[in-house]
Protein backbone atom coordinates (compact mmCIF):
# COMPACT_ATOMS: atom_id res chain seq x y z
CA UNK A 1 44.86 52.02 67.61
CA UNK A 2 43.63 50.50 69.53
CA UNK A 3 43.73 52.64 73.11
CA UNK A 4 42.94 50.85 76.50
CA UNK A 5 44.64 52.40 78.81
CA UNK A 6 41.69 54.47 80.18
CA UNK A 7 39.10 54.99 78.96
CA UNK A 8 39.33 52.86 76.01
CA UNK A 9 38.97 53.50 72.80
CA UNK A 10 39.25 52.81 69.06
CA UNK A 11 40.62 55.25 66.65
CA UNK A 12 41.25 53.98 62.52
CA UNK A 13 42.50 56.68 60.10
CA UNK A 14 42.13 59.66 62.40
CA UNK A 15 38.34 58.87 63.83
CA UNK A 16 37.68 58.10 67.42
CA UNK A 17 35.42 54.39 66.40
CA UNK A 18 31.99 54.05 68.39
CA UNK A 19 33.23 51.32 70.43
CA UNK A 20 31.88 48.46 71.34
CA UNK A 21 28.41 47.95 73.65
CA UNK A 22 29.19 46.48 76.31
CA UNK A 23 31.90 46.19 79.24
CA UNK A 24 32.91 41.95 78.87
CA UNK A 25 33.68 43.22 75.12
CA UNK A 26 36.21 46.01 76.18
CA UNK A 27 37.96 42.62 78.78
CA UNK A 28 37.54 40.24 76.21
CA UNK A 29 40.00 42.22 73.51
CA UNK A 30 42.42 43.09 76.52
CA UNK A 31 42.30 39.74 77.52
CA UNK A 32 42.83 38.41 74.11
CA UNK A 33 45.72 41.06 73.49
CA UNK A 34 47.31 40.61 76.62
CA UNK A 35 47.12 37.10 76.36
CA UNK A 36 51.22 35.20 75.67
CA UNK A 37 49.26 31.96 73.30
CA UNK A 38 45.52 32.25 72.15
CA UNK A 39 42.91 30.20 74.48
CA UNK A 40 39.61 28.90 74.15
CA UNK A 41 36.61 29.96 73.52
CA UNK A 42 35.15 27.63 76.54
CA UNK A 43 38.26 29.48 78.41
CA UNK A 44 37.39 32.74 77.29
CA UNK A 45 33.78 32.10 78.02
CA UNK A 46 33.30 30.90 81.71
CA UNK A 47 36.23 33.93 82.40
CA UNK A 48 33.72 36.71 81.24
CA UNK A 49 30.27 35.24 81.12
CA UNK A 50 30.25 32.58 83.97
CA UNK A 51 26.35 34.06 84.78
CA UNK A 52 24.88 33.87 81.61
CA UNK A 53 22.45 31.43 80.78
CA UNK A 54 24.72 30.43 77.88
CA UNK A 55 28.52 31.59 78.40
CA UNK A 56 30.20 30.42 74.57
CA UNK A 57 26.51 32.70 73.48
CA UNK A 58 27.36 35.10 75.33
CA UNK A 59 30.69 35.37 74.27
CA UNK A 60 30.21 34.78 69.65
CA UNK A 61 27.85 38.12 69.98
CA UNK A 62 31.12 39.75 71.87
CA UNK A 63 33.22 38.67 68.99
CA UNK A 64 31.26 39.91 66.37
CA UNK A 65 30.72 43.11 68.32
CA UNK A 66 34.47 43.47 68.13
CA UNK A 67 34.70 41.95 64.87
CA UNK A 68 32.22 45.18 63.98
CA UNK A 69 33.65 47.96 65.82
CA UNK A 70 37.66 46.69 64.43
CA UNK A 71 35.94 46.13 61.34
CA UNK A 72 37.97 43.43 59.81
CA UNK A 73 35.29 40.75 59.88
CA UNK A 74 38.88 37.57 60.18
CA UNK A 75 40.03 40.26 63.39
CA UNK A 76 38.90 37.05 65.48
CA UNK A 77 38.69 33.55 64.96
CA UNK A 78 38.42 30.24 65.11
CA UNK A 79 39.13 28.11 68.05
CA UNK A 80 41.87 28.74 70.26
CA UNK A 81 40.65 32.40 69.05
CA UNK A 82 42.65 34.19 67.28
CA UNK A 83 43.05 37.68 67.01
CA UNK A 84 44.26 38.82 63.61
CA UNK A 85 44.84 42.83 63.23
CA UNK A 86 46.72 45.40 60.52
CA UNK A 87 50.09 44.67 60.87
CA UNK A 88 49.87 48.34 61.44
CA UNK A 89 47.33 48.99 64.05
CA UNK A 90 48.99 50.24 67.30
CA UNK A 91 47.74 48.99 70.63
CA UNK A 92 48.71 51.71 74.09
CA UNK A 93 48.82 48.56 76.08
CA UNK A 94 51.42 46.51 73.68
CA UNK A 95 53.68 49.74 73.24
CA UNK A 96 53.69 49.83 77.25
CA UNK A 97 54.37 46.03 77.39
CA UNK A 98 57.76 47.04 75.63
CA UNK A 99 59.01 50.42 76.33
CA UNK A 100 62.45 49.86 78.27
CA UNK A 101 63.52 53.44 80.78
CA UNK A 102 65.70 54.46 77.65
CA UNK A 103 62.13 54.79 75.13
CA UNK A 104 59.84 56.08 78.06
CA UNK A 105 58.62 59.52 77.89
CA UNK A 106 59.23 60.95 81.12
CA UNK A 107 55.75 61.87 82.86
CA UNK A 108 55.63 66.27 83.56
CA UNK A 109 55.32 67.24 86.97
């Protein structure tokens, strides 16, 4: 399970895993989860790492960090970057985006 709402974390087999190092890796993952089409590497590098000496190298490092945390070497690949998660992976923000008023649990006030 991937949780990006609130303090982000990744859960596998009921255990909370150590997340990727750096906030940009979480931003990259959230962007890839919500992007309607796979973005190009150049677009991601310009969007997330404009201040880096080598934006594409910074992107590669963050993609590698996400692959490590996701435990799936082929989770992020190609150009444009494809996000390939296991079919049973749940993502809180995607659950929320696809929810209807009937499926939302009422908030207790």
